[in-house]
Amino acid sequence: MFVDLPQELILYTVGAFLLGWLLASVFGGSKSGSKKRDPRDDRIRSLEAELRIAQTDLEKTRETAESLEKELEEAQNGIEKRDSVITHQQSRMEETTRDLKESVMKTRELRAELSNRAAENLKSEVALREVKTELEVAQASTDLIATGVLDYSVAPSEEDEDGDDLLDESEMTEAAT
């Protein structure tokens, strides 16, 4: 059977077999070579895995940084608003303190004026009572003279000349009050 085939066909078949075997041994390697892996390939694979992990971490870090920047901006806005509120409240407090001091000073002035007026009013009342008393004494004297009970034509006795029993005008005013 081998003999009946043309010789070219046999040569092509043997050549193809040899070429396949050569190519398989060069590119496919042997069984003993396939068991050993190149350590550089392992290193490349581990570096690629670390790169993917680092890129994932970088994305997470960027997202975190963006959220922190937003929070920082919100916090700064809040601080600015609180500062303006505090400044406004301090100015209102200073104004209120100033108004309170002015009110206290005005109240003191009014109290002093009121006490002065009260003293003047008291003096006026005392003077008015003195005048009323003098008027009443004068009226009583006039009535007594008119009725004849009081007579100045009678000379004072020796006892009355001492002046102990008689009251002068200032003593009468004091006695009346």
C-alpha atoms as a PDB file:
ATOM      1  CA  MET A   1       0.000   0.000   0.000  1.00  0.00           C
ATOM      2  CA  PHE A   2       2.837   2.245   0.695  1.00  0.00           C
ATOM      3  CA  VAL A   3       4.288   1.442  -2.622  1.00  0.00           C
ATOM      4  CA  ASP A   4       1.269   2.302  -4.706  1.00  0.00           C
ATOM      5  CA  LEU A   5       1.268   5.937  -3.672  1.00  0.00           C
ATOM      6  CA  PRO A   6       3.201   8.374  -5.706  1.00  0.00           C
ATOM      7  CA  GLN A   7       6.533   9.253  -4.354  1.00  0.00           C
ATOM      8  CA  GLU A   8       5.854  12.971  -4.181  1.00  0.00           C
ATOM      9  CA  LEU A   9       2.897  12.450  -1.967  1.00  0.00           C
ATOM     10  CA  ILE A  10       4.948  10.385   0.436  1.00  0.00           C
ATOM     11  CA  LEU A  11       7.624  13.043   0.531  1.00  0.00           C
ATOM     12  CA  TYR A  12       5.106  15.794   1.137  1.00  0.00           C
ATOM     13  CA  THR A  13       3.521  13.863   3.952  1.00  0.00           C
ATOM     14  CA  VAL A  14       6.840  13.122   5.637  1.00  0.00           C
ATOM     15  CA  GLY A  15       7.912  16.747   5.151  1.00  0.00           C
ATOM     16  CA  ALA A  16       4.672  18.049   6.641  1.00  0.00           C
ATOM     17  CA  PHE A  17       5.066  15.702   9.582  1.00  0.00           C
ATOM     18  CA  LEU A  18       8.608  16.894  10.210  1.00  0.00           C
ATOM     19  CA  LEU A  19       7.664  20.522   9.810  1.00  0.00           C
ATOM     20  CA  GLY A  20       4.803  20.123  12.299  1.00  0.00           C
ATOM     21  CA  TRP A  21       7.078  18.394  14.745  1.00  0.00           C
ATOM     22  CA  LEU A  22       9.677  21.169  14.425  1.00  0.00           C
ATOM     23  CA  LEU A  23       7.172  23.917  14.820  1.00  0.00           C
ATOM     24  CA  ALA A  24       5.593  22.213  17.797  1.00  0.00           C
ATOM     25  CA  SER A  25       8.915  21.779  19.519  1.00  0.00           C
ATOM     26  CA  VAL A  26      10.007  25.358  18.891  1.00  0.00           C
ATOM     27  CA  PHE A  27       6.795  27.210  19.691  1.00  0.00           C
ATOM     28  CA  GLY A  28       4.886  24.744  21.814  1.00  0.00           C
ATOM     29  CA  GLY A  29       7.768  23.759  24.000  1.00  0.00           C
ATOM     30  CA  SER A  30       8.196  20.438  25.655  1.00  0.00           C
ATOM     31  CA  LYS A  31       6.428  18.921  28.589  1.00  0.00           C
ATOM     32  CA  SER A  32       9.310  19.680  30.911  1.00  0.00           C
ATOM     33  CA  GLY A  33       9.421  23.328  29.722  1.00  0.00           C
ATOM     34  CA  SER A  34       5.741  23.923  30.171  1.00  0.00           C
ATOM     35  CA  LYS A  35       5.908  23.062  33.862  1.00  0.00           C
ATOM     36  CA  LYS A  36       8.375  25.861  34.545  1.00  0.00           C
ATOM     37  CA  ARG A  37       6.972  29.354  34.384  1.00  0.00           C
ATOM     38  CA  ASP A  38       8.990  32.419  33.782  1.00  0.00           C
ATOM     39  CA  PRO A  39       9.245  34.414  37.068  1.00  0.00           C
ATOM     40  CA  ARG A  40       9.051  37.642  35.058  1.00  0.00           C
ATOM     41  CA  ASP A  41       5.546  36.672  33.885  1.00  0.00           C
ATOM     42  CA  ASP A  42       4.480  36.182  37.481  1.00  0.00           C
ATOM     43  CA  ARG A  43       5.988  39.531  38.408  1.00  0.00           C
ATOM     44  CA  ILE A  44       4.192  41.238  35.502  1.00  0.00           C
ATOM     45  CA  ARG A  45       0.869  39.669  36.515  1.00  0.00           C
ATOM     46  CA  SER A  46       1.302  40.741  40.150  1.00  0.00           C
ATOM     47  CA  LEU A  47       2.261  44.281  39.085  1.00  0.00           C
ATOM     48  CA  GLU A  48      -0.812  44.458  36.840  1.00  0.00           C
ATOM     49  CA  ALA A  49      -3.010  43.296  39.728  1.00  0.00           C
ATOM     50  CA  GLU A  50      -1.433  45.881  42.045  1.00  0.00           C
ATOM     51  CA  LEU A  51      -1.992  48.535  39.371  1.00  0.00           C
ATOM     52  CA  ARG A  52      -5.702  47.656  39.146  1.00  0.00           C
ATOM     53  CA  ILE A  53      -5.989  47.759  42.949  1.00  0.00           C
ATOM     54  CA  ALA A  54      -4.150  51.097  43.077  1.00  0.00           C
ATOM     55  CA  GLN A  55      -6.418  52.540  40.373  1.00  0.00           C
ATOM     56  CA  THR A  56      -9.507  51.405  42.305  1.00  0.00           C
ATOM     57  CA  ASP A  57      -8.107  52.921  45.488  1.00  0.00           C
ATOM     58  CA  LEU A  58      -7.305  56.126  43.598  1.00  0.00           C
ATOM     59  CA  GLU A  59     -10.915  56.404  42.396  1.00  0.00           C
ATOM     60  CA  LYS A  60     -12.217  55.850  45.922  1.00  0.00           C
ATOM     61  CA  THR A  61      -9.752  58.415  47.262  1.00  0.00           C
ATOM     62  CA  ARG A  62     -10.793  60.941  44.624  1.00  0.00           C
ATOM     63  CA  GLU A  63     -14.469  60.452  45.494  1.00  0.00           C
ATOM     64  CA  THR A  64     -13.653  60.828  49.178  1.00  0.00           C
ATOM     65  CA  ALA A  65     -11.593  63.953  48.487  1.00  0.00           C
ATOM     66  CA  GLU A  66     -14.441  65.476  46.459  1.00  0.00           C
ATOM     67  CA  SER A  67     -16.958  64.779  49.220  1.00  0.00           C
ATOM     68  CA  LEU A  68     -14.561  66.216  51.807  1.00  0.00           C
ATOM     69  CA  GLU A  69     -14.064  69.330  49.664  1.00  0.00           C
ATOM     70  CA  LYS A  70     -17.850  69.774  49.489  1.00  0.00           C
ATOM     71  CA  GLU A  71     -18.121  69.341  53.259  1.00  0.00           C
ATOM     72  CA  LEU A  72     -15.281  71.818  53.765  1.00  0.00           C
ATOM     73  CA  GLU A  73     -16.997  74.368  51.528  1.00  0.00           C
ATOM     74  CA  GLU A  74     -20.289  73.895  53.397  1.00  0.00           C
ATOM     75  CA  ALA A  75     -18.477  74.243  56.716  1.00  0.00           C
ATOM     76  CA  GLN A  76     -16.764  77.440  55.562  1.00  0.00           C
ATOM     77  CA  ASN A  77     -20.101  78.855  54.406  1.00  0.00           C
ATOM     78  CA  GLY A  78     -21.618  77.938  57.760  1.00  0.00           C
ATOM     79  CA  ILE A  79     -18.733  79.576  59.604  1.00  0.00           C
ATOM     80  CA  GLU A  80     -19.075  82.753  57.526  1.00  0.00           C
ATOM     81  CA  LYS A  81     -22.816  82.869  58.255  1.00  0.00           C
ATOM     82  CA  ARG A  82     -22.203  82.315  61.981  1.00  0.00           C
ATOM     83  CA  ASP A  83     -19.521  85.015  61.986  1.00  0.00           C
ATOM     84  CA  SER A  84     -21.918  87.490  60.394  1.00  0.00           C
ATOM     85  CA  VAL A  85     -24.651  86.551  62.892  1.00  0.00           C
ATOM     86  CA  ILE A  86     -22.196  86.921  65.791  1.00  0.00           C
ATOM     87  CA  THR A  87     -21.021  90.288  64.488  1.00  0.00           C
ATOM     88  CA  HIS A  88     -24.623  91.452  64.116  1.00  0.00           C
ATOM     89  CA  GLN A  89     -25.485  90.259  67.624  1.00  0.00           C
ATOM     90  CA  GLN A  90     -22.404  91.947  69.089  1.00  0.00           C
ATOM     91  CA  SER A  91     -23.323  95.242  67.438  1.00  0.00           C
ATOM     92  CA  ARG A  92     -26.887  94.927  68.744  1.00  0.00           C
ATOM     93  CA  MET A  93     -25.551  94.113  72.202  1.00  0.00           C
ATOM     94  CA  GLU A  94     -23.222  97.128  72.142  1.00  0.00           C
ATOM     95  CA  GLU A  95     -26.104  99.331  71.005  1.00  0.00           C
ATOM     96  CA  THR A  96     -28.339  97.942  73.730  1.00  0.00           C
ATOM     97  CA  THR A  97     -25.599  98.459  76.328  1.00  0.00           C
ATOM     98  CA  ARG A  98     -25.134 102.037  75.154  1.00  0.00           C
ATOM     99  CA  ASP A  99     -28.902 102.650  75.297  1.00  0.00           C
ATOM    100  CA  LEU A 100     -29.039 101.116  78.771  1.00  0.00           C
ATOM    101  CA  LYS A 101     -26.232 103.354  80.011  1.00  0.00           C
ATOM    102  CA  GLU A 102     -27.969 106.407  78.562  1.00  0.00           C
ATOM    103  CA  SER A 103     -31.260 105.337  80.157  1.00  0.00           C
ATOM    104  CA  VAL A 104     -29.574 104.817  83.535  1.00  0.00           C
ATOM    105  CA  MET A 105     -27.954 108.262  83.338  1.00  0.00           C
ATOM    106  CA  LYS A 106     -31.245 109.854  82.330  1.00  0.00           C
ATOM    107  CA  THR A 107     -33.036 108.030  85.154  1.00  0.00           C
ATOM    108  CA  ARG A 108     -30.451 109.296  87.639  1.00  0.00           C
ATOM    109  CA  GLU A 109     -30.866 112.836  86.336  1.00  0.00           C
ATOM    110  CA  LEU A 110     -34.654 112.565  86.593  1.00  0.00           C
ATOM    111  CA  ARG A 111     -34.414 111.132  90.112  1.00  0.00           C
ATOM    112  CA  ALA A 112     -32.135 113.983  91.155  1.00  0.00           C
ATOM    113  CA  GLU A 113     -34.544 116.516  89.628  1.00  0.00           C
ATOM    114  CA  LEU A 114     -37.484 114.753  91.258  1.00  0.00           C
ATOM    115  CA  SER A 115     -35.782 114.790  94.661  1.00  0.00           C
ATOM    116  CA  ASN A 116     -34.945 118.496  94.179  1.00  0.00           C
ATOM    117  CA  ARG A 117     -38.575 119.219  93.297  1.00  0.00           C
ATOM    118  CA  ALA A 118     -39.755 117.147  96.255  1.00  0.00           C
ATOM    119  CA  ALA A 119     -37.453 119.148  98.541  1.00  0.00           C
ATOM    120  CA  GLU A 120     -38.741 122.385  97.034  1.00  0.00           C
ATOM    121  CA  ASN A 121     -42.324 121.147  97.379  1.00  0.00           C
ATOM    122  CA  LEU A 122     -41.691 120.252 101.033  1.00  0.00           C
ATOM    123  CA  LYS A 123     -40.171 123.689 101.658  1.00  0.00           C
ATOM    124  CA  SER A 124     -43.165 125.286  99.947  1.00  0.00           C
ATOM    125  CA  GLU A 125     -45.578 123.282 102.082  1.00  0.00           C
ATOM    126  CA  VAL A 126     -43.723 124.265 105.254  1.00  0.00           C
ATOM    127  CA  ALA A 127     -43.727 127.911 104.197  1.00  0.00           C
ATOM    128  CA  LEU A 128     -47.419 127.636 103.313  1.00  0.00           C
ATOM    129  CA  ARG A 129     -48.208 126.187 106.749  1.00  0.00           C
ATOM    130  CA  GLU A 130     -46.237 128.979 108.390  1.00  0.00           C
ATOM    131  CA  VAL A 131     -48.116 131.564 106.358  1.00  0.00           C
ATOM    132  CA  LYS A 132     -51.455 129.897 107.198  1.00  0.00           C
ATOM    133  CA  THR A 133     -50.549 129.810 110.867  1.00  0.00           C
ATOM    134  CA  GLU A 134     -49.524 133.465 110.835  1.00  0.00           C
ATOM    135  CA  LEU A 135     -52.702 134.331 108.963  1.00  0.00           C
ATOM    136  CA  GLU A 136     -54.797 132.398 111.439  1.00  0.00           C
ATOM    137  CA  VAL A 137     -53.003 134.112 114.352  1.00  0.00           C
ATOM    138  CA  ALA A 138     -53.469 137.484 112.706  1.00  0.00           C
ATOM    139  CA  GLN A 139     -57.140 136.706 112.011  1.00  0.00           C
ATOM    140  CA  ALA A 140     -57.621 135.550 115.592  1.00  0.00           C
ATOM    141  CA  SER A 141     -55.905 138.684 116.867  1.00  0.00           C
ATOM    142  CA  THR A 142     -58.077 140.831 114.634  1.00  0.00           C
ATOM    143  CA  ASP A 143     -61.187 139.023 115.842  1.00  0.00           C
ATOM    144  CA  LEU A 144     -60.127 139.394 119.466  1.00  0.00           C
ATOM    145  CA  ILE A 145     -59.393 143.095 119.008  1.00  0.00           C
ATOM    146  CA  ALA A 146     -62.707 143.541 117.242  1.00  0.00           C
ATOM    147  CA  THR A 147     -64.609 141.834 120.023  1.00  0.00           C
ATOM    148  CA  GLY A 148     -62.743 143.718 122.692  1.00  0.00           C
ATOM    149  CA  VAL A 149     -61.301 140.687 124.406  1.00  0.00           C
ATOM    150  CA  LEU A 150     -57.786 141.690 123.597  1.00  0.00           C
ATOM    151  CA  ASP A 151     -56.924 145.177 124.774  1.00  0.00           C
ATOM    152  CA  TYR A 152     -53.470 146.577 124.210  1.00  0.00           C
ATOM    153  CA  SER A 153     -54.172 149.672 126.193  1.00  0.00           C
ATOM    154  CA  VAL A 154     -53.702 147.785 129.417  1.00  0.00           C
ATOM    155  CA  ALA A 155     -50.144 148.081 130.606  1.00  0.00           C
ATOM    156  CA  PRO A 156     -48.297 144.854 131.143  1.00  0.00           C
ATOM    157  CA  SER A 157     -47.629 143.927 134.696  1.00  0.00           C
ATOM    158  CA  GLU A 158     -44.208 143.667 136.234  1.00  0.00           C
ATOM    159  CA  GLU A 159     -44.182 139.943 135.729  1.00  0.00           C
ATOM    160  CA  ASP A 160     -44.795 140.397 132.031  1.00  0.00           C
ATOM    161  CA  GLU A 161     -41.982 142.900 131.698  1.00  0.00           C
ATOM    162  CA  ASP A 162     -39.458 140.155 132.232  1.00  0.00           C
ATOM    163  CA  GLY A 163     -40.571 138.756 128.931  1.00  0.00           C
ATOM    164  CA  ASP A 164     -40.471 135.195 130.137  1.00  0.00           C
ATOM    165  CA  ASP A 165     -44.162 134.540 129.628  1.00  0.00           C
ATOM    166  CA  LEU A 166     -44.500 136.433 126.359  1.00  0.00           C
ATOM    167  CA  LEU A 167     -43.522 134.764 123.129  1.00  0.00           C
ATOM    168  CA  ASP A 168     -41.955 136.676 120.328  1.00  0.00           C
ATOM    169  CA  GLU A 169     -43.142 136.280 116.769  1.00  0.00           C
ATOM    170  CA  SER A 170     -40.679 133.503 115.763  1.00  0.00           C
ATOM    171  CA  GLU A 171     -41.568 131.461 118.827  1.00  0.00           C
ATOM    172  CA  MET A 172     -45.259 131.769 117.979  1.00  0.00           C
ATOM    173  CA  THR A 173     -44.608 130.518 114.462  1.00  0.00           C
ATOM    174  CA  GLU A 174     -42.675 127.542 115.772  1.00  0.00           C
ATOM    175  CA  ALA A 175     -45.341 126.783 118.364  1.00  0.00           C
ATOM    176  CA  ALA A 176     -48.052 126.915 115.705  1.00  0.00           C
ATOM    177  CA  THR A 177     -46.346 124.352 113.526  1.00  0.00           C
END
